[in-house]
Amino acid sequence: MRMRYVDFLAMVGLATARREYRPASLKMSCSQLVRDRIDPLVNPGVLGTPHIHQIVGGNSFNTTMDPLTHDPATLSTCTTCTFTDDFSNYWTAIMYFRARNNTYHRVPQLGSLFHESAREGGMTIYYFPQFINPKPGTIKAFAPGFRMRVGHPDRVHPVNESGHPRPEHKPTALYDGITYTCLETEGTRFTNLTSSFPPHPCPSGILTTLPFPPCWDGKNLDSPDHQSHVSFAEGGTVGYTQGGKCPASHPVMIPQIMLETRWDTTLFNDPDLWPEEQGKQPFLWSFGDGVGYGHHGDYVFGWRGDSLQRTFDRVDCSGDQICGLPVQTIERANGCFGERRVVEGVDGWLGEMPGGVVVRD
């Protein structure tokens, strides 16, 4: 049975029956814009970055996106996302399958629950108010030029968001709030969570979630590592777990963004395709991570005008995933797409990973 969206909100503590200020909790489908080896945050100006990404959002996405001159809200002519005021860009790595003969195949994506018809699967994106009972007007929307990143692609050991080793007696303890869900059905939520690739075939695929930090230093729209200007809440509060507060170094509450991607790993569930070595699994990220601790995502703000701020200032949108924002159908969003700049083989069986990426287990 599919879980209704309002039930999802209730389970994470965002829905309530009490009539008091509850900021908007937005949910949208974002069809895939393009798959390409460009990354304007980590490798600005480079055509042919080390690994390939999946990108959604405004169609002005390019190799540079200089924050001083590039405003997606004014330069984009369409967006792949539900909200037509949102020309932001969001991107992550791509999941691949490694066969026993060391050939590779891209794992197809499926539109997440309720967004099944999104072009090439895309992502489902949430904007949460992470904190309980914030005062009206205290959640500040992002400003033009804002960008950030979550996760660490070079991470090879299970550590928490503070860089400390994850307790081995808590095998599902999370860091950076990043999770993998082994889907029993397409509606599975809040169970089968791990912080790395599931160690066995999943009946309905793998769902990955990437939550961004909900706290900002209030000054910098970016930082050299694209992370230091934002922070998770105190007390190790990560993901969409409620209860912490912003640290003194990052006192400003911002909407918490979460990226959700559903990967159709069912095409590779035949045990004969899996590694012969006991306990090994065959999936990896396009940057070579064969364990999963390095999953990461990027964001460049591109909402039109003050539409996002006005939405989070409203007092009548608790549990409303649209909150009066102008929207487009998924079918219309599917008609917005970009042209791949790095032409190379990314589909079918490949002798090596795109970009010649070396796999690390």
Protein backbone atom coordinates (compact mmCIF):
# COMPACT_ATOMS: atom_id res chain seq x y z
CA MET A 1 0.00 0.00 0.00
CA ARG A 2 1.34 3.41 -0.93
CA MET A 3 1.98 5.89 1.85
CA ARG A 4 0.22 9.21 1.41
CA TYR A 5 2.43 12.29 1.46
CA VAL A 6 0.69 13.69 4.56
CA ASP A 7 1.46 10.43 6.36
CA PHE A 8 5.11 10.84 5.39
CA LEU A 9 5.13 14.33 6.90
CA ALA A 10 3.48 13.11 10.07
CA MET A 11 6.11 10.41 10.52
CA VAL A 12 8.94 12.93 10.40
CA GLY A 13 7.14 15.25 12.80
CA LEU A 14 6.23 18.00 10.34
CA ALA A 15 2.45 17.59 10.25
CA THR A 16 0.27 18.54 13.19
CA ALA A 17 -3.34 19.01 14.06
CA ARG A 18 -2.67 22.09 16.20
CA ARG A 19 -3.45 25.43 14.60
CA GLU A 20 -0.17 27.29 14.95
CA TYR A 21 2.61 28.47 12.68
CA ARG A 22 4.02 25.60 10.66
CA PRO A 23 6.15 26.55 7.66
CA ALA A 24 5.64 25.00 4.26
CA SER A 25 6.84 21.48 3.54
CA LEU A 26 7.28 21.34 -0.21
CA LYS A 27 7.60 18.30 -2.45
CA MET A 28 8.22 18.34 -6.18
CA SER A 29 9.16 16.12 -9.07
CA CYS A 30 12.21 17.09 -11.11
CA SER A 31 12.65 15.26 -14.40
CA GLN A 32 16.18 14.68 -15.59
CA LEU A 33 17.72 17.61 -17.46
CA VAL A 34 20.85 15.83 -18.68
CA ARG A 35 23.58 13.34 -17.75
CA ASP A 36 26.99 14.87 -18.30
CA ARG A 37 30.57 15.16 -17.06
CA ILE A 38 30.40 18.77 -15.89
CA ASP A 39 30.38 20.19 -12.36
CA PRO A 40 30.35 24.01 -12.00
CA LEU A 41 31.04 23.85 -8.26
CA VAL A 42 33.96 21.44 -7.97
CA ASN A 43 35.39 21.82 -11.49
CA PRO A 44 34.20 25.22 -12.78
CA GLY A 45 34.86 25.78 -16.48
CA VAL A 46 35.94 22.18 -17.07
CA LEU A 47 34.30 20.24 -19.87
CA GLY A 48 34.90 16.59 -19.06
CA THR A 49 35.07 16.43 -15.25
CA PRO A 50 36.38 13.25 -13.60
CA HIS A 51 32.94 11.61 -13.31
CA ILE A 52 29.44 11.83 -14.72
CA HIS A 53 26.42 13.35 -12.96
CA GLN A 54 22.65 13.38 -13.27
CA ILE A 55 21.33 16.97 -13.28
CA VAL A 56 17.83 18.36 -12.82
CA GLY A 57 16.35 21.87 -12.79
CA GLY A 58 16.80 24.96 -14.97
CA ASN A 59 18.11 24.57 -18.51
CA SER A 60 20.80 27.26 -18.15
CA PHE A 61 23.04 24.73 -16.35
CA ASN A 62 26.59 24.93 -17.74
CA THR A 63 30.25 24.36 -16.88
CA THR A 64 30.85 27.67 -15.10
CA MET A 65 27.70 29.21 -13.58
CA ASP A 66 29.70 32.13 -12.17
CA PRO A 67 27.64 33.35 -9.18
CA LEU A 68 28.42 36.98 -10.09
CA THR A 69 26.99 36.71 -13.59
CA HIS A 70 24.86 33.58 -13.75
CA ASP A 71 21.36 33.73 -12.29
CA PRO A 72 19.46 30.56 -13.26
CA ALA A 73 16.14 32.29 -12.57
CA THR A 74 16.76 34.85 -15.33
CA LEU A 75 18.87 32.81 -17.77
CA SER A 76 16.83 29.60 -17.85
CA THR A 77 13.94 29.36 -20.27
CA CYS A 78 12.43 26.26 -18.65
CA THR A 79 12.78 23.97 -15.65
CA THR A 80 12.39 20.23 -15.24
CA CYS A 81 10.82 20.72 -11.80
CA THR A 82 7.17 20.94 -10.72
CA PHE A 83 7.40 24.51 -9.40
CA THR A 84 7.74 26.90 -12.31
CA ASP A 85 9.43 29.51 -10.10
CA ASP A 86 12.29 27.11 -9.37
CA PHE A 87 15.14 27.22 -11.89
CA SER A 88 17.68 25.94 -9.37
CA ASN A 89 19.99 23.08 -10.29
CA TYR A 90 20.50 19.91 -8.27
CA TRP A 91 22.89 17.09 -9.18
CA THR A 92 24.36 13.85 -7.91
CA ALA A 93 26.56 11.01 -9.15
CA ILE A 94 25.05 8.11 -11.13
CA MET A 95 24.76 4.51 -9.97
CA TYR A 96 26.39 1.72 -11.99
CA PHE A 97 26.35 -2.08 -11.83
CA ARG A 98 29.62 -4.03 -12.07
CA ALA A 99 29.34 -7.54 -13.55
CA ARG A 100 31.59 -10.44 -12.65
CA ASN A 101 33.59 -9.89 -15.83
CA ASN A 102 34.30 -6.26 -14.78
CA THR A 103 32.01 -4.65 -17.32
CA TYR A 104 29.69 -1.87 -16.22
CA HIS A 105 26.07 -0.92 -16.86
CA ARG A 106 24.25 2.24 -15.80
CA VAL A 107 21.42 1.57 -13.34
CA PRO A 108 18.20 3.09 -14.74
CA GLN A 109 16.24 5.51 -12.62
CA LEU A 110 12.54 5.44 -11.87
CA GLY A 111 10.40 8.36 -10.84
CA SER A 112 9.85 8.19 -7.09
CA LEU A 113 6.51 7.44 -5.49
CA PHE A 114 3.76 9.60 -7.05
CA HIS A 115 6.25 10.91 -9.64
CA GLU A 116 6.69 7.76 -11.69
CA SER A 117 6.39 9.47 -15.09
CA ALA A 118 9.33 11.85 -14.61
CA ARG A 119 11.69 11.83 -17.60
CA GLU A 120 14.56 9.36 -17.02
CA GLY A 121 13.41 9.00 -13.43
CA GLY A 122 14.87 12.29 -12.26
CA MET A 123 14.59 13.13 -8.58
CA THR A 124 11.95 13.96 -6.03
CA ILE A 125 12.97 17.04 -4.06
CA TYR A 126 11.74 18.21 -0.67
CA TYR A 127 12.05 21.58 1.09
CA PHE A 128 11.53 20.99 4.83
CA PRO A 129 11.40 23.26 7.87
CA GLN A 130 13.71 21.08 9.95
CA PHE A 131 13.07 22.71 13.31
CA ILE A 132 10.13 22.28 15.68
CA ASN A 133 7.99 25.38 16.24
CA PRO A 134 10.17 28.01 14.56
CA LYS A 135 8.93 31.56 15.00
CA PRO A 136 7.29 33.15 11.94
CA GLY A 137 9.86 34.77 9.66
CA THR A 138 12.87 32.98 11.14
CA ILE A 139 13.43 30.60 8.23
CA LYS A 140 15.42 32.54 5.64
CA ALA A 141 15.26 31.53 2.00
CA PHE A 142 18.45 31.34 -0.02
CA ALA A 143 19.70 34.42 -1.85
CA PRO A 144 20.83 34.63 -5.50
CA GLY A 145 24.34 33.21 -5.79
CA PHE A 146 23.82 30.71 -2.96
CA ARG A 147 25.25 27.24 -3.51
CA MET A 148 26.23 24.28 -1.36
CA ARG A 149 27.26 20.66 -1.33
CA VAL A 150 26.65 17.70 0.97
CA GLY A 151 28.65 14.51 1.37
CA HIS A 152 32.30 13.64 0.72
CA PRO A 153 33.18 11.59 -2.39
CA ASP A 154 36.57 10.62 -0.95
CA ARG A 155 35.04 9.12 2.20
CA VAL A 156 35.88 5.42 2.44
CA HIS A 157 35.07 4.69 6.10
CA PRO A 158 31.80 4.98 8.00
CA VAL A 159 32.00 8.21 9.98
CA ASN A 160 29.37 10.57 11.28
CA GLU A 161 28.77 14.19 10.31
CA SER A 162 31.51 15.35 12.72
CA GLY A 163 34.10 13.06 11.20
CA HIS A 164 34.11 10.61 14.10
CA PRO A 165 34.02 6.85 13.48
CA ARG A 166 30.52 5.43 13.37
CA PRO A 167 29.88 3.04 16.27
CA GLU A 168 30.14 -0.46 14.89
CA HIS A 169 27.30 -1.63 17.17
CA LYS A 170 24.97 0.69 15.28
CA PRO A 171 25.17 -0.63 11.71
CA THR A 172 22.57 1.82 10.39
CA ALA A 173 23.93 4.92 12.14
CA LEU A 174 24.01 7.75 9.64
CA TYR A 175 26.38 10.55 8.78
CA ASP A 176 25.35 13.63 6.84
CA GLY A 177 21.86 12.08 6.94
CA ILE A 178 22.62 10.10 3.77
CA THR A 179 20.61 6.90 3.49
CA TYR A 180 20.02 3.92 1.23
CA THR A 181 16.65 2.16 1.42
CA CYS A 182 16.36 -1.40 0.17
CA LEU A 183 12.84 -1.21 -1.26
CA GLU A 184 10.60 -4.16 -0.46
CA THR A 185 7.88 -2.36 -2.46
CA GLU A 186 7.88 0.98 -4.27
CA GLY A 187 6.25 2.53 -1.19
CA THR A 188 8.78 1.30 1.38
CA ARG A 189 9.87 4.06 3.76
CA PHE A 190 11.69 4.30 7.10
CA THR A 191 12.80 0.66 7.10
CA ASN A 192 15.77 -1.21 5.64
CA LEU A 193 17.92 1.90 5.99
CA THR A 194 21.69 1.67 5.61
CA SER A 195 24.49 4.18 5.17
CA SER A 196 26.04 2.19 2.32
CA PHE A 197 24.85 0.01 -0.54
CA PRO A 198 22.51 -2.79 0.66
CA PRO A 199 24.40 -6.10 0.85
CA HIS A 200 21.70 -8.13 -0.93
CA PRO A 201 19.29 -7.77 -3.88
CA CYS A 202 16.35 -5.43 -3.25
CA PRO A 203 12.90 -6.49 -4.55
CA SER A 204 11.88 -3.02 -5.80
CA GLY A 205 15.21 -1.22 -6.18
CA ILE A 206 17.23 1.17 -4.02
CA LEU A 207 16.08 4.59 -2.85
CA THR A 208 18.80 7.10 -1.96
CA THR A 209 18.28 10.27 0.06
CA LEU A 210 20.63 13.25 0.37
CA PRO A 211 19.57 15.93 2.90
CA PHE A 212 21.39 19.26 2.90
CA PRO A 213 22.20 21.15 6.12
CA PRO A 214 19.45 23.43 7.55
CA CYS A 215 21.74 26.04 9.17
CA TRP A 216 23.66 28.94 7.54
CA ASP A 217 26.32 31.33 8.81
CA GLY A 218 24.18 34.24 7.59
CA LYS A 219 27.04 35.84 5.66
CA ASN A 220 28.56 33.71 2.92
CA LEU A 221 26.68 32.52 -0.14
CA ASP A 222 29.41 29.93 -0.72
CA SER A 223 32.69 28.73 0.76
CA PRO A 224 35.85 27.19 -0.74
CA ASP A 225 34.66 23.66 0.04
CA HIS A 226 31.00 24.59 -0.68
CA GLN A 227 30.13 23.24 2.79
CA SER A 228 31.67 25.37 5.55
CA HIS A 229 29.07 28.15 5.26
CA VAL A 230 26.30 25.71 6.19
CA SER A 231 25.93 23.23 9.04
CA PHE A 232 23.77 20.51 10.45
CA ALA A 233 22.08 21.23 13.76
CA GLU A 234 23.73 20.75 17.13
CA GLY A 235 23.52 17.40 18.81
CA GLY A 236 24.23 15.41 15.69
CA THR A 237 20.83 16.14 14.20
CA VAL A 238 21.10 15.10 10.58
CA GLY A 239 18.75 14.20 7.79
CA TYR A 240 15.17 15.12 8.53
CA THR A 241 15.43 14.23 12.22
CA GLN A 242 13.88 16.96 14.36
CA GLY A 243 15.05 18.40 17.64
CA GLY A 244 18.41 20.17 17.36
CA LYS A 245 19.17 23.84 17.07
CA CYS A 246 21.50 25.77 14.83
CA PRO A 247 25.01 26.24 16.28
CA ALA A 248 26.25 29.74 17.16
CA SER A 249 28.60 29.61 14.18
CA HIS A 250 25.65 29.02 11.81
CA PRO A 251 22.68 30.65 13.56
CA VAL A 252 20.34 31.20 10.61
CA MET A 253 17.66 28.62 9.84
CA ILE A 254 17.24 27.86 6.12
CA PRO A 255 14.92 25.45 4.32
CA GLN A 256 16.32 21.96 4.42
CA ILE A 257 16.55 20.45 0.94
CA MET A 258 16.46 16.69 0.45
CA LEU A 259 17.12 14.86 -2.83
CA GLU A 260 15.47 11.49 -3.32
CA THR A 261 16.35 9.15 -6.20
CA ARG A 262 14.91 5.73 -6.98
CA TRP A 263 17.29 3.35 -8.76
CA ASP A 264 15.92 0.34 -10.65
CA THR A 265 18.42 -2.26 -9.46
CA THR A 266 15.87 -5.04 -10.07
CA LEU A 267 17.36 -5.57 -13.54
CA PHE A 268 20.41 -6.99 -11.79
CA ASN A 269 18.81 -9.11 -9.04
CA ASP A 270 19.86 -12.46 -10.54
CA PRO A 271 22.24 -13.98 -7.95
CA ASP A 272 24.41 -15.27 -10.80
CA LEU A 273 25.21 -11.65 -11.68
CA TRP A 274 26.40 -10.80 -8.17
CA PRO A 275 29.99 -11.21 -6.96
CA GLU A 276 30.96 -14.75 -6.03
CA GLU A 277 32.71 -13.46 -2.92
CA GLN A 278 30.40 -13.70 0.08
CA GLY A 279 29.21 -10.34 1.41
CA LYS A 280 30.18 -8.28 -1.63
CA GLN A 281 27.65 -6.28 -3.61
CA PRO A 282 27.92 -5.13 -7.26
CA PHE A 283 26.79 -1.48 -7.25
CA LEU A 284 28.98 1.61 -7.31
CA TRP A 285 28.82 5.34 -7.91
CA SER A 286 30.11 6.96 -11.07
CA PHE A 287 33.08 8.38 -9.15
CA GLY A 288 34.25 4.85 -8.31
CA ASP A 289 32.85 4.34 -4.80
CA GLY A 290 31.91 0.67 -4.51
CA VAL A 291 30.81 0.89 -0.87
CA GLY A 292 28.59 3.96 -0.76
CA TYR A 293 29.96 6.18 2.00
CA GLY A 294 30.99 8.83 -0.54
CA HIS A 295 27.54 9.64 -1.93
CA HIS A 296 27.16 13.41 -2.37
CA GLY A 297 25.04 16.09 -3.99
CA ASP A 298 25.22 19.72 -5.12
CA TYR A 299 22.82 22.67 -5.24
CA VAL A 300 22.76 26.06 -6.96
CA PHE A 301 19.89 28.36 -5.95
CA GLY A 302 17.66 29.67 -8.73
CA TRP A 303 14.18 30.49 -7.43
CA ARG A 304 12.47 33.43 -9.13
CA GLY A 305 12.26 36.64 -7.07
CA ASP A 306 11.17 36.19 -3.47
CA SER A 307 8.77 33.32 -4.16
CA LEU A 308 10.57 30.88 -1.86
CA GLN A 309 10.77 33.38 1.00
CA ARG A 310 7.08 34.27 0.67
CA THR A 311 6.22 30.59 0.78
CA PHE A 312 8.12 29.97 4.00
CA ASP A 313 6.65 33.13 5.55
CA ARG A 314 3.11 31.82 5.11
CA VAL A 315 1.28 30.50 8.17
CA ASP A 316 -1.29 28.34 6.38
CA CYS A 317 0.80 25.76 4.52
CA SER A 318 1.57 23.09 7.08
CA GLY A 319 1.45 19.73 5.31
CA ASP A 320 0.65 21.39 1.96
CA GLN A 321 3.19 20.19 -0.59
CA ILE A 322 2.26 22.92 -3.12
CA CYS A 323 1.54 25.93 -0.86
CA GLY A 324 0.01 28.08 -3.61
CA LEU A 325 3.11 28.06 -5.81
CA PRO A 326 2.62 27.98 -9.60
CA VAL A 327 3.19 24.48 -10.95
CA GLN A 328 3.49 22.57 -14.21
CA THR A 329 2.63 18.99 -15.02
CA ILE A 330 5.31 16.33 -15.09
CA GLU A 331 4.61 15.92 -18.80
CA ARG A 332 5.45 19.57 -19.42
CA ALA A 333 8.56 19.34 -17.24
CA ASN A 334 9.63 16.34 -19.31
CA GLY A 335 9.86 18.64 -22.33
CA CYS A 336 12.68 20.66 -20.74
CA PHE A 337 16.08 19.07 -21.24
CA GLY A 338 19.70 19.92 -21.95
CA GLU A 339 22.16 18.69 -24.55
CA ARG A 340 25.01 16.51 -23.36
CA ARG A 341 28.33 18.30 -23.94
CA VAL A 342 30.70 15.38 -23.35
CA VAL A 343 29.75 12.78 -25.95
CA GLU A 344 30.78 9.32 -24.75
CA GLY A 345 29.30 5.93 -24.01
CA VAL A 346 27.36 5.94 -20.76
CA ASP A 347 24.74 3.25 -21.45
CA GLY A 348 24.83 -0.42 -22.37
CA TRP A 349 27.67 -2.66 -21.25
CA LEU A 350 30.90 -0.69 -20.93
CA GLY A 351 34.47 -1.91 -20.67
CA GLU A 352 35.32 0.97 -18.33
CA MET A 353 33.48 3.60 -16.36
CA PRO A 354 32.75 6.97 -18.06
CA GLY A 355 35.83 9.15 -17.70
CA GLY A 356 38.00 6.09 -17.05
CA VAL A 357 37.10 6.16 -13.36
CA VAL A 358 38.89 3.53 -11.28
CA VAL A 359 36.70 1.57 -8.90
CA ARG A 360 37.57 1.47 -5.20
CA ASP A 361 36.02 -1.11 -2.88
